Amino acid sequence: MKTLFILFQYLVPQHLLSRLIGKLANARTPWLKNLLIRRFILRYGVNMQEAAEENPEHYACFNDFFTRELKPGVRPVDNSAHSIVSPADGVISAAGDITADSIFQAKGKAFSLTALLGGSGDAARPFQEGAFVTVYLSPRDYHRVHMPCAGTLKKMIYVPGKLFSVNQTTAENIDNLFARNERVVCFYDTDAGPMALVLVGAMIVAGIETVWAMQVAPASHGLNETGYEQQHPPLEFGKAEEMGRFKLGSTAIVLFGPGAVRWAADLESDRPVNMGEAIGELTPASRQV
């Protein structure tokens, strides 16, 4: 079955399928969007009591439901001065050190740091020998992405690519997965030096948005093939402040430079995390940066 699932992903028109699902998810016909939302809640056990709007029928479309806001306080944020918090609800896929240009993916698989960040050696260099954490967002999770720590946005890069699934089965069987899929890379300056937050697209993900640029992926016609980079006037973000969202599930990857952070001792694969939960801390040395 695993082999058939992987083969299916190679054969199916990934972008066409994902864009068609995106149009369906944006449909505003009441009976259709209500059916989609209610079936999804039942299938994945979504906890609507956490949502700012609990009534599924009050959402204009499935995408609005999927990117729903939570009630204040349901995701307590660790406000310790030096803590790093999870950027999203989900499960830890992997966490650890970046070895030169290689980042661990799963069971003997790895992906290229340089490729992940769009192919620029200059962009990758500050993160070599640094640290990473990968958070997988399942369909039932809250799908807004927040800042792991306070930072200043410097630039954003849209990188076109494939749309393979990013679940564990695919991660264990497709090389360089996260550096092959469509993604949005956001670079920040923080108290611990440079940080990158990468939003990785996946099959049937209808879109990736940031709070400053709105929809980034899928990009406008023509940009899907070439990608683009946007420099930004400095935009300040506080710890746990929202920076983007996924329309359907995917993966967020956080990168820091060498010696900047120390992950929590229990931060291991398959550990569930909530947005705002402490997953590490700045090292004493990085606090002086």
Protein backbone atom coordinates (compact mmCIF):
# COMPACT_ATOMS: atom_id res chain seq x y z
CA MET A 1 0.00 0.00 0.00
CA LYS A 2 2.83 2.41 0.80
CA THR A 3 4.39 1.76 -2.61
CA LEU A 4 1.07 2.42 -4.36
CA PHE A 5 0.58 5.65 -2.38
CA ILE A 6 4.02 6.93 -3.38
CA LEU A 7 3.50 5.89 -7.01
CA PHE A 8 0.13 7.65 -7.06
CA GLN A 9 1.80 10.90 -6.00
CA TYR A 10 4.24 10.71 -8.90
CA LEU A 11 1.50 9.97 -11.45
CA VAL A 12 -1.26 12.35 -10.38
CA PRO A 13 -1.24 15.95 -11.73
CA GLN A 14 -0.37 17.43 -8.32
CA HIS A 15 -0.93 21.11 -9.03
CA LEU A 16 -4.12 20.60 -11.03
CA LEU A 17 -5.61 18.39 -8.32
CA SER A 18 -4.62 20.81 -5.57
CA ARG A 19 -6.03 23.84 -7.40
CA LEU A 20 -9.32 22.04 -8.10
CA ILE A 21 -9.60 21.14 -4.41
CA GLY A 22 -8.81 24.78 -3.66
CA LYS A 23 -11.72 25.98 -5.77
CA LEU A 24 -14.04 23.51 -4.05
CA ALA A 25 -12.80 24.63 -0.64
CA ASN A 26 -13.58 28.23 -1.58
CA ALA A 27 -17.14 27.47 -2.75
CA ARG A 28 -19.76 29.58 -1.00
CA THR A 29 -22.90 27.66 -1.94
CA PRO A 30 -24.47 27.10 1.51
CA TRP A 31 -25.45 23.43 1.20
CA LEU A 32 -22.11 22.48 -0.36
CA LYS A 33 -19.79 24.30 2.04
CA ASN A 34 -21.86 23.17 5.06
CA LEU A 35 -21.67 19.55 3.88
CA LEU A 36 -17.89 19.77 3.40
CA ILE A 37 -17.32 21.36 6.79
CA ARG A 38 -19.53 18.98 8.76
CA ARG A 39 -18.12 15.87 7.07
CA PHE A 40 -14.60 17.13 7.79
CA ILE A 41 -15.36 17.78 11.47
CA LEU A 42 -16.75 14.26 11.87
CA ARG A 43 -13.95 12.61 9.91
CA TYR A 44 -11.10 14.27 11.81
CA GLY A 45 -12.66 15.01 15.19
CA VAL A 46 -12.15 18.77 15.04
CA ASN A 47 -12.74 20.47 18.40
CA MET A 48 -15.03 23.37 17.52
CA GLN A 49 -15.29 24.44 21.17
CA GLU A 50 -11.82 25.98 20.75
CA ALA A 51 -12.89 28.05 17.75
CA ALA A 52 -13.81 31.71 18.06
CA GLU A 53 -16.83 30.84 15.90
CA GLU A 54 -18.20 27.48 17.07
CA ASN A 55 -21.08 27.20 14.58
CA PRO A 56 -19.79 25.49 11.40
CA GLU A 57 -22.56 27.03 9.30
CA HIS A 58 -21.40 30.56 10.08
CA TYR A 59 -18.25 30.16 7.98
CA ALA A 60 -18.53 31.58 4.47
CA CYS A 61 -16.62 28.68 2.91
CA PHE A 62 -14.55 25.64 3.84
CA ASN A 63 -11.30 27.65 3.64
CA ASP A 64 -12.60 30.13 6.22
CA PHE A 65 -13.44 27.22 8.52
CA PHE A 66 -10.08 25.56 7.97
CA THR A 67 -8.13 28.71 8.83
CA ARG A 68 -10.45 29.47 11.75
CA GLU A 69 -9.38 31.74 14.58
CA LEU A 70 -9.23 30.30 18.10
CA LYS A 71 -10.75 31.76 21.24
CA PRO A 72 -8.40 33.94 23.27
CA GLY A 73 -6.44 31.92 25.81
CA VAL A 74 -7.00 28.41 24.44
CA ARG A 75 -3.34 28.29 23.36
CA PRO A 76 -1.37 29.63 26.34
CA VAL A 77 1.94 31.13 25.24
CA ASP A 78 5.11 30.45 27.21
CA ASN A 79 6.33 33.97 27.89
CA SER A 80 9.62 33.04 29.53
CA ALA A 81 12.17 35.61 28.40
CA HIS A 82 14.34 33.16 26.45
CA SER A 83 11.88 30.46 25.38
CA ILE A 84 11.28 29.30 21.80
CA VAL A 85 7.67 28.27 21.20
CA SER A 86 6.07 25.97 18.67
CA PRO A 87 4.93 27.92 15.60
CA ALA A 88 1.88 25.70 15.10
CA ASP A 89 -0.29 22.90 16.39
CA GLY A 90 0.90 19.55 15.12
CA VAL A 91 3.42 16.78 15.63
CA ILE A 92 7.20 17.03 15.67
CA SER A 93 8.53 15.32 12.54
CA ALA A 94 12.16 15.90 13.47
CA ALA A 95 14.39 18.26 15.44
CA GLY A 96 18.11 18.57 15.90
CA ASP A 97 21.29 19.94 14.36
CA ILE A 98 21.93 20.98 10.78
CA THR A 99 25.02 19.16 9.52
CA ALA A 100 26.75 21.39 6.96
CA ASP A 101 24.08 21.54 4.22
CA SER A 102 22.04 18.52 5.37
CA ILE A 103 18.83 18.43 7.46
CA PHE A 104 17.40 15.16 8.76
CA GLN A 105 14.04 14.21 7.24
CA ALA A 106 13.13 10.67 8.37
CA LYS A 107 14.70 7.20 8.62
CA GLY A 108 17.84 7.72 6.58
CA LYS A 109 16.38 10.49 4.44
CA ALA A 110 17.65 14.08 4.45
CA PHE A 111 17.15 17.26 2.48
CA SER A 112 19.39 20.11 1.41
CA LEU A 113 19.43 23.31 3.46
CA THR A 114 20.47 25.34 0.42
CA ALA A 115 17.72 23.87 -1.75
CA LEU A 116 15.13 24.40 1.00
CA LEU A 117 15.96 28.11 1.11
CA GLY A 118 15.66 28.55 -2.63
CA GLY A 119 19.09 27.50 -3.87
CA SER A 120 21.15 30.43 -2.58
CA GLY A 121 24.37 29.60 -0.78
CA ASP A 122 24.38 33.09 0.73
CA ALA A 123 20.93 32.50 2.24
CA ALA A 124 21.91 29.08 3.61
CA ARG A 125 25.33 29.97 5.04
CA PRO A 126 24.11 31.58 8.32
CA PHE A 127 22.21 28.39 9.18
CA GLN A 128 24.91 25.81 8.45
CA GLU A 129 25.76 23.86 11.62
CA GLY A 130 22.69 25.45 13.21
CA ALA A 131 19.48 23.88 14.50
CA PHE A 132 16.08 22.99 13.02
CA VAL A 133 12.66 21.75 14.03
CA THR A 134 9.99 20.42 11.67
CA VAL A 135 6.31 20.53 12.67
CA TYR A 136 3.73 18.54 10.68
CA LEU A 137 0.19 19.92 10.74
CA SER A 138 -2.46 17.23 10.32
CA PRO A 139 -5.90 18.00 8.84
CA ARG A 140 -7.53 18.31 12.29
CA ASP A 141 -5.05 20.89 13.59
CA TYR A 142 -5.31 24.66 13.92
CA HIS A 143 -3.69 25.97 10.74
CA ARG A 144 -2.41 29.42 11.54
CA VAL A 145 1.36 29.76 11.92
CA HIS A 146 2.92 31.96 14.59
CA MET A 147 6.35 33.30 15.52
CA PRO A 148 8.62 31.00 17.58
CA CYS A 149 10.20 34.13 19.09
CA ALA A 150 10.14 37.86 18.48
CA GLY A 151 11.77 38.92 15.22
CA THR A 152 12.00 41.43 12.39
CA LEU A 153 11.04 40.27 8.91
CA LYS A 154 13.79 40.98 6.36
CA LYS A 155 12.61 39.22 3.21
CA MET A 156 10.32 36.53 1.85
CA ILE A 157 11.04 34.07 -0.96
CA TYR A 158 8.43 32.08 -2.87
CA VAL A 159 9.93 28.83 -4.23
CA PRO A 160 7.90 26.85 -6.78
CA GLY A 161 7.97 23.08 -6.61
CA LYS A 162 6.12 19.80 -6.40
CA LEU A 163 3.15 19.09 -4.14
CA PHE A 164 3.90 15.70 -2.61
CA SER A 165 2.12 14.78 0.60
CA VAL A 166 4.22 15.61 3.67
CA ASN A 167 2.95 12.86 5.97
CA GLN A 168 5.31 10.39 7.62
CA THR A 169 4.94 7.72 4.91
CA THR A 170 6.01 10.15 2.20
CA ALA A 171 8.81 11.62 4.33
CA GLU A 172 10.25 8.12 4.77
CA ASN A 173 10.17 7.31 1.06
CA ILE A 174 10.87 10.44 -1.01
CA ASP A 175 14.33 12.02 -0.89
CA ASN A 176 14.74 15.77 -0.36
CA LEU A 177 10.98 16.07 0.17
CA PHE A 178 10.72 19.47 1.85
CA ALA A 179 13.21 21.01 -0.56
CA ARG A 180 11.17 19.75 -3.55
CA ASN A 181 7.72 20.99 -2.59
CA GLU A 182 6.32 24.46 -3.21
CA ARG A 183 7.16 26.69 -0.23
CA VAL A 184 7.40 30.16 1.24
CA VAL A 185 10.61 31.08 3.08
CA CYS A 186 10.57 33.98 5.55
CA PHE A 187 13.82 35.38 6.95
CA TYR A 188 13.96 37.23 10.27
CA ASP A 189 16.47 38.92 12.54
CA THR A 190 16.01 37.89 16.18
CA ASP A 191 17.79 38.36 19.50
CA ALA A 192 19.55 35.06 18.75
CA GLY A 193 20.62 36.06 15.25
CA PRO A 194 19.03 34.93 11.96
CA MET A 195 15.91 32.75 11.90
CA ALA A 196 14.08 31.29 8.92
CA LEU A 197 10.48 30.08 9.03
CA VAL A 198 9.56 27.91 6.05
CA LEU A 199 5.94 27.14 5.14
CA VAL A 200 5.94 24.00 2.97
CA GLY A 201 3.03 23.26 0.68
CA ALA A 202 1.66 19.78 0.02
CA MET A 203 -0.83 17.84 -2.08
CA ILE A 204 -4.32 19.38 -2.00
CA VAL A 205 -3.08 22.39 -0.02
CA ALA A 206 -5.21 25.14 -1.50
CA GLY A 207 -2.87 27.96 -0.58
CA ILE A 208 -0.24 29.51 1.67
CA GLU A 209 -0.75 33.02 3.03
CA THR A 210 1.27 35.49 5.08
CA VAL A 211 -0.29 38.31 7.07
CA TRP A 212 1.63 40.96 5.10
CA ALA A 213 1.35 39.60 1.54
CA MET A 214 -1.89 37.58 1.82
CA GLN A 215 -1.93 34.69 -0.69
CA VAL A 216 1.59 33.79 -1.79
CA ALA A 217 1.02 30.27 -3.12
CA PRO A 218 -0.32 29.46 -5.59
CA ALA A 219 1.40 32.49 -7.12
CA SER A 220 0.07 34.52 -10.03
CA HIS A 221 0.33 33.04 -13.51
CA GLY A 222 3.95 32.76 -14.61
CA LEU A 223 5.45 33.05 -11.14
CA ASN A 224 4.79 29.39 -10.31
CA GLU A 225 7.62 28.43 -12.69
CA THR A 226 10.24 30.98 -11.66
CA GLY A 227 9.57 31.94 -8.06
CA TYR A 228 10.34 35.37 -6.68
CA GLU A 229 11.89 37.26 -3.78
CA GLN A 230 10.46 40.25 -1.95
CA GLN A 231 12.49 42.58 0.23
CA HIS A 232 10.44 44.18 2.97
CA PRO A 233 10.73 47.27 5.08
CA PRO A 234 11.35 45.96 8.61
CA LEU A 235 8.19 44.40 10.03
CA GLU A 236 8.28 43.65 13.74
CA PHE A 237 6.62 40.52 15.14
CA GLY A 238 6.25 39.49 18.77
CA LYS A 239 6.61 35.97 20.10
CA ALA A 240 3.58 33.85 19.09
CA GLU A 241 2.20 36.59 16.84
CA GLU A 242 0.48 35.19 13.75
CA MET A 243 2.58 35.38 10.58
CA GLY A 244 0.76 33.11 8.12
CA ARG A 245 -1.62 30.23 7.51
CA PHE A 246 -2.20 27.10 5.44
CA LYS A 247 -5.37 26.29 3.53
CA LEU A 248 -5.25 22.55 4.27
CA GLY A 249 -2.50 20.75 6.16
CA SER A 250 1.22 20.93 5.67
CA THR A 251 4.55 21.53 7.43
CA ALA A 252 6.42 24.41 9.09
CA ILE A 253 10.21 24.30 9.48
CA VAL A 254 12.13 26.63 11.81
CA LEU A 255 15.87 27.24 11.35
CA PHE A 256 18.38 28.99 13.63
CA GLY A 257 22.09 29.62 13.28
CA PRO A 258 24.88 27.71 15.07
CA GLY A 259 24.79 27.81 18.86
CA ALA A 260 21.62 29.91 18.96
CA VAL A 261 19.06 27.54 20.52
CA ARG A 262 18.82 24.42 22.65
CA TRP A 263 15.77 22.22 22.02
CA ALA A 264 13.83 20.71 24.90
CA ALA A 265 15.15 17.30 26.02
CA ASP A 266 11.85 15.60 25.16
CA LEU A 267 11.51 17.18 21.71
CA GLU A 268 11.45 14.03 19.59
CA SER A 269 9.64 12.66 16.57
CA ASP A 270 5.88 12.06 16.93
CA ARG A 271 5.56 14.31 19.98
CA PRO A 272 2.35 16.40 19.74
CA VAL A 273 2.79 20.14 20.26
CA ASN A 274 0.50 23.14 20.51
CA MET A 275 1.17 26.61 19.19
CA GLY A 276 2.74 28.68 21.97
CA GLU A 277 4.15 25.70 23.87
CA ALA A 278 7.83 25.98 24.80
CA ILE A 279 9.97 23.65 22.66
CA GLY A 280 13.39 25.11 23.44
CA GLU A 281 15.30 28.15 24.62
CA LEU A 282 17.96 30.57 23.49
CA THR A 283 21.40 29.50 24.62
CA PRO A 284 23.26 31.75 27.10
CA ALA A 285 25.75 32.64 24.36
CA SER A 286 23.04 33.66 21.86
CA ARG A 287 21.37 35.98 24.36
CA GLN A 288 24.32 38.30 23.94
CA VAL A 289 23.91 38.55 20.14
